[in-house]
Amino acid sequence: MKRTYISAQLDAEIRQVAQNRCGYCLHPQYLVPDILQIEHIIPLSKGGSNEVDNLWLACARCNRYKSNKTVVIDPQTNQLVFLFNPRIQNWFDHFEWSSDGIRVIGLTAIGRATVACLQLDSDPIAMRVRQKWVEAGWHPPTR
């Protein structure tokens, strides 16, 4: 599906509201080497729109794993659940950081399913990078 134009004003608004960090892993722009992407919570291919309430920021890694998914299986209950929606849900209601600050832990069905889908707790490269960020005192992010 063809992606329609998102204005610079809308782009700036989304970045400000999202605090210039990925809605899924909370990695801030200043620690991510690529520009955070405007992400469609409900993908255009699934009937989503370019309206502000369907847009958020995602790092390239999270956006790639999410792809066009909107629902996934909770690995604990095997129930189909919606992925976390950073536009309307509070990250800290569904996730927490492991005690070492390296892994994201899902606290709810939505959190667990999102962690599994986006590989927030298992991508070896992300784990190594977060470890270095923890050592530098830059991670984990807080509210």
C-alpha atoms as a PDB file:
ATOM      1  CA  MET A   1       0.000   0.000   0.000  1.00  0.00           C
ATOM      2  CA  LYS A   2       1.314   3.431  -0.875  1.00  0.00           C
ATOM      3  CA  ARG A   3       2.367   5.556   2.071  1.00  0.00           C
ATOM      4  CA  THR A   4       1.013   9.069   1.895  1.00  0.00           C
ATOM      5  CA  TYR A   5       2.950  12.156   2.838  1.00  0.00           C
ATOM      6  CA  ILE A   6       3.349  13.084   6.515  1.00  0.00           C
ATOM      7  CA  SER A   7       3.994  16.791   6.927  1.00  0.00           C
ATOM      8  CA  ALA A   8       7.007  18.161   8.764  1.00  0.00           C
ATOM      9  CA  GLN A   9       4.615  19.739  11.274  1.00  0.00           C
ATOM     10  CA  LEU A  10       2.912  16.402  12.021  1.00  0.00           C
ATOM     11  CA  ASP A  11       6.304  14.670  12.193  1.00  0.00           C
ATOM     12  CA  ALA A  12       7.525  17.254  14.727  1.00  0.00           C
ATOM     13  CA  GLU A  13       4.319  16.934  16.783  1.00  0.00           C
ATOM     14  CA  ILE A  14       4.645  13.150  17.004  1.00  0.00           C
ATOM     15  CA  ARG A  15       8.322  13.377  17.988  1.00  0.00           C
ATOM     16  CA  GLN A  16       7.483  15.865  20.748  1.00  0.00           C
ATOM     17  CA  VAL A  17       4.569  13.869  22.175  1.00  0.00           C
ATOM     18  CA  ALA A  18       6.604  10.639  21.985  1.00  0.00           C
ATOM     19  CA  GLN A  19       9.461  12.407  23.802  1.00  0.00           C
ATOM     20  CA  ASN A  20      11.685  11.550  20.836  1.00  0.00           C
ATOM     21  CA  ARG A  21      11.972   7.888  21.811  1.00  0.00           C
ATOM     22  CA  CYS A  22      10.748   4.573  20.454  1.00  0.00           C
ATOM     23  CA  GLY A  23       7.308   3.711  21.773  1.00  0.00           C
ATOM     24  CA  TYR A  24       8.203   0.036  22.185  1.00  0.00           C
ATOM     25  CA  CYS A  25      11.752  -0.205  23.566  1.00  0.00           C
ATOM     26  CA  LEU A  26      11.943   3.423  24.823  1.00  0.00           C
ATOM     27  CA  HIS A  27      15.337   3.950  23.207  1.00  0.00           C
ATOM     28  CA  PRO A  28      15.823   7.712  22.863  1.00  0.00           C
ATOM     29  CA  GLN A  29      16.848   9.258  19.569  1.00  0.00           C
ATOM     30  CA  TYR A  30      20.193  10.422  20.952  1.00  0.00           C
ATOM     31  CA  LEU A  31      21.246   6.772  21.511  1.00  0.00           C
ATOM     32  CA  VAL A  32      19.894   5.352  18.234  1.00  0.00           C
ATOM     33  CA  PRO A  33      22.099   5.743  15.144  1.00  0.00           C
ATOM     34  CA  ASP A  34      19.179   5.944  12.687  1.00  0.00           C
ATOM     35  CA  ILE A  35      16.386   8.504  12.692  1.00  0.00           C
ATOM     36  CA  LEU A  36      13.385   7.170  14.596  1.00  0.00           C
ATOM     37  CA  GLN A  37      10.618   6.287  12.150  1.00  0.00           C
ATOM     38  CA  ILE A  38       7.028   7.445  12.111  1.00  0.00           C
ATOM     39  CA  GLU A  39       5.212   4.174  12.703  1.00  0.00           C
ATOM     40  CA  HIS A  40       1.606   3.267  11.909  1.00  0.00           C
ATOM     41  CA  ILE A  41       0.081   1.589  14.956  1.00  0.00           C
ATOM     42  CA  ILE A  42      -2.537   0.063  12.672  1.00  0.00           C
ATOM     43  CA  PRO A  43      -0.650  -0.404   9.400  1.00  0.00           C
ATOM     44  CA  LEU A  44      -2.009   1.120   6.226  1.00  0.00           C
ATOM     45  CA  SER A  45      -2.234  -2.425   4.840  1.00  0.00           C
ATOM     46  CA  LYS A  46      -4.690  -3.265   7.648  1.00  0.00           C
ATOM     47  CA  GLY A  47      -6.863  -0.172   7.192  1.00  0.00           C
ATOM     48  CA  GLY A  48      -4.852   2.249   9.310  1.00  0.00           C
ATOM     49  CA  SER A  49      -4.490   5.901   8.424  1.00  0.00           C
ATOM     50  CA  ASN A  50      -1.997   8.751   8.516  1.00  0.00           C
ATOM     51  CA  GLU A  51      -4.087  10.479  11.173  1.00  0.00           C
ATOM     52  CA  VAL A  52      -2.162  11.619  14.224  1.00  0.00           C
ATOM     53  CA  ASP A  53      -3.881   9.119  16.545  1.00  0.00           C
ATOM     54  CA  ASN A  54      -2.492   6.228  14.459  1.00  0.00           C
ATOM     55  CA  LEU A  55       1.103   7.440  14.359  1.00  0.00           C
ATOM     56  CA  TRP A  56       3.977   7.116  16.810  1.00  0.00           C
ATOM     57  CA  LEU A  57       7.753   6.765  16.839  1.00  0.00           C
ATOM     58  CA  ALA A  58       9.597   3.477  16.529  1.00  0.00           C
ATOM     59  CA  CYS A  59      13.229   2.605  16.092  1.00  0.00           C
ATOM     60  CA  ALA A  60      14.030   0.728  12.907  1.00  0.00           C
ATOM     61  CA  ARG A  61      14.563  -2.499  14.849  1.00  0.00           C
ATOM     62  CA  CYS A  62      11.162  -2.455  16.590  1.00  0.00           C
ATOM     63  CA  ASN A  63       9.384  -1.283  13.444  1.00  0.00           C
ATOM     64  CA  ARG A  64      10.969  -4.114  11.438  1.00  0.00           C
ATOM     65  CA  TYR A  65       9.901  -6.793  13.944  1.00  0.00           C
ATOM     66  CA  LYS A  66       6.415  -5.301  14.273  1.00  0.00           C
ATOM     67  CA  SER A  67       5.963  -5.079  10.503  1.00  0.00           C
ATOM     68  CA  ASN A  68       2.219  -5.081   9.812  1.00  0.00           C
ATOM     69  CA  LYS A  69       1.211  -7.044  12.904  1.00  0.00           C
ATOM     70  CA  THR A  70      -1.572  -5.782  15.164  1.00  0.00           C
ATOM     71  CA  VAL A  71      -2.330  -8.946  17.148  1.00  0.00           C
ATOM     72  CA  VAL A  72      -0.025 -11.722  18.354  1.00  0.00           C
ATOM     73  CA  ILE A  73      -0.072 -14.676  20.750  1.00  0.00           C
ATOM     74  CA  ASP A  74       0.714 -14.159  24.433  1.00  0.00           C
ATOM     75  CA  PRO A  75       3.366 -16.850  25.049  1.00  0.00           C
ATOM     76  CA  GLN A  76       2.100 -17.495  28.589  1.00  0.00           C
ATOM     77  CA  THR A  77      -1.637 -17.955  27.901  1.00  0.00           C
ATOM     78  CA  ASN A  78      -1.583 -18.732  24.160  1.00  0.00           C
ATOM     79  CA  GLN A  79      -4.330 -16.141  23.745  1.00  0.00           C
ATOM     80  CA  LEU A  80      -4.409 -13.765  20.796  1.00  0.00           C
ATOM     81  CA  VAL A  81      -3.971 -10.171  22.040  1.00  0.00           C
ATOM     82  CA  PHE A  82      -3.404  -6.755  20.536  1.00  0.00           C
ATOM     83  CA  LEU A  83       0.143  -5.449  20.465  1.00  0.00           C
ATOM     84  CA  PHE A  84       1.020  -2.635  22.818  1.00  0.00           C
ATOM     85  CA  ASN A  85      -0.249   0.732  21.594  1.00  0.00           C
ATOM     86  CA  PRO A  86       2.195   3.453  22.712  1.00  0.00           C
ATOM     87  CA  ARG A  87      -0.256   6.177  21.707  1.00  0.00           C
ATOM     88  CA  ILE A  88      -2.920   5.187  24.276  1.00  0.00           C
ATOM     89  CA  GLN A  89      -1.250   2.798  26.728  1.00  0.00           C
ATOM     90  CA  ASN A  90       1.361   3.503  29.393  1.00  0.00           C
ATOM     91  CA  TRP A  91       4.591   1.585  28.830  1.00  0.00           C
ATOM     92  CA  PHE A  92       5.158   1.064  32.557  1.00  0.00           C
ATOM     93  CA  ASP A  93       1.725  -0.580  32.961  1.00  0.00           C
ATOM     94  CA  HIS A  94       2.762  -3.364  30.577  1.00  0.00           C
ATOM     95  CA  PHE A  95       6.551  -3.609  30.883  1.00  0.00           C
ATOM     96  CA  GLU A  96       9.473  -3.207  33.231  1.00  0.00           C
ATOM     97  CA  TRP A  97      13.223  -3.420  32.879  1.00  0.00           C
ATOM     98  CA  SER A  98      15.079  -6.434  34.232  1.00  0.00           C
ATOM     99  CA  SER A  99      17.158  -5.715  37.323  1.00  0.00           C
ATOM    100  CA  ASP A 100      20.283  -5.399  35.149  1.00  0.00           C
ATOM    101  CA  GLY A 101      18.488  -2.943  32.828  1.00  0.00           C
ATOM    102  CA  ILE A 102      19.102  -5.022  29.718  1.00  0.00           C
ATOM    103  CA  ARG A 103      15.872  -6.911  29.079  1.00  0.00           C
ATOM    104  CA  VAL A 104      12.287  -5.758  28.762  1.00  0.00           C
ATOM    105  CA  ILE A 105       9.900  -7.885  30.820  1.00  0.00           C
ATOM    106  CA  GLY A 106       6.239  -8.120  29.857  1.00  0.00           C
ATOM    107  CA  LEU A 107       3.940  -7.683  32.865  1.00  0.00           C
ATOM    108  CA  THR A 108       0.622  -8.277  31.089  1.00  0.00           C
ATOM    109  CA  ALA A 109      -0.600 -10.378  28.174  1.00  0.00           C
ATOM    110  CA  ILE A 110      -0.130  -7.351  25.921  1.00  0.00           C
ATOM    111  CA  GLY A 111       3.347  -6.776  27.336  1.00  0.00           C
ATOM    112  CA  ARG A 112       4.439 -10.411  27.013  1.00  0.00           C
ATOM    113  CA  ALA A 113       3.099 -10.696  23.465  1.00  0.00           C
ATOM    114  CA  THR A 114       4.787  -7.455  22.432  1.00  0.00           C
ATOM    115  CA  VAL A 115       8.104  -8.479  24.013  1.00  0.00           C
ATOM    116  CA  ALA A 116       7.995 -11.781  22.132  1.00  0.00           C
ATOM    117  CA  CYS A 117       6.941 -10.251  18.812  1.00  0.00           C
ATOM    118  CA  LEU A 118       9.498  -7.427  18.891  1.00  0.00           C
ATOM    119  CA  GLN A 119      12.189  -9.636  20.487  1.00  0.00           C
ATOM    120  CA  LEU A 120      12.715  -6.987  23.159  1.00  0.00           C
ATOM    121  CA  ASP A 121      14.261  -9.507  25.556  1.00  0.00           C
ATOM    122  CA  SER A 122      16.200 -11.758  23.217  1.00  0.00           C
ATOM    123  CA  ASP A 123      17.920  -9.882  20.398  1.00  0.00           C
ATOM    124  CA  PRO A 124      21.654 -10.439  21.143  1.00  0.00           C
ATOM    125  CA  ILE A 125      22.789  -7.218  19.485  1.00  0.00           C
ATOM    126  CA  ALA A 126      20.242  -5.147  21.413  1.00  0.00           C
ATOM    127  CA  MET A 127      21.349  -6.867  24.641  1.00  0.00           C
ATOM    128  CA  ARG A 128      25.013  -5.980  24.045  1.00  0.00           C
ATOM    129  CA  VAL A 129      24.185  -2.377  23.168  1.00  0.00           C
ATOM    130  CA  ARG A 130      21.946  -1.961  26.236  1.00  0.00           C
ATOM    131  CA  GLN A 131      24.695  -3.429  28.437  1.00  0.00           C
ATOM    132  CA  LYS A 132      27.084  -0.741  27.216  1.00  0.00           C
ATOM    133  CA  TRP A 133      24.423   1.926  27.788  1.00  0.00           C
ATOM    134  CA  VAL A 134      23.914   0.642  31.356  1.00  0.00           C
ATOM    135  CA  GLU A 135      27.680   0.776  31.951  1.00  0.00           C
ATOM    136  CA  ALA A 136      27.718   4.384  30.699  1.00  0.00           C
ATOM    137  CA  GLY A 137      24.787   5.290  32.975  1.00  0.00           C
ATOM    138  CA  TRP A 138      22.436   6.044  30.059  1.00  0.00           C
ATOM    139  CA  HIS A 139      20.030   3.161  30.553  1.00  0.00           C
ATOM    140  CA  PRO A 140      17.402   2.040  31.437  1.00  0.00           C
ATOM    141  CA  PRO A 141      15.036   4.872  30.585  1.00  0.00           C
ATOM    142  CA  THR A 142      12.606   6.076  33.190  1.00  0.00           C
ATOM    143  CA  ARG A 143       9.147   7.536  32.942  1.00  0.00           C
END
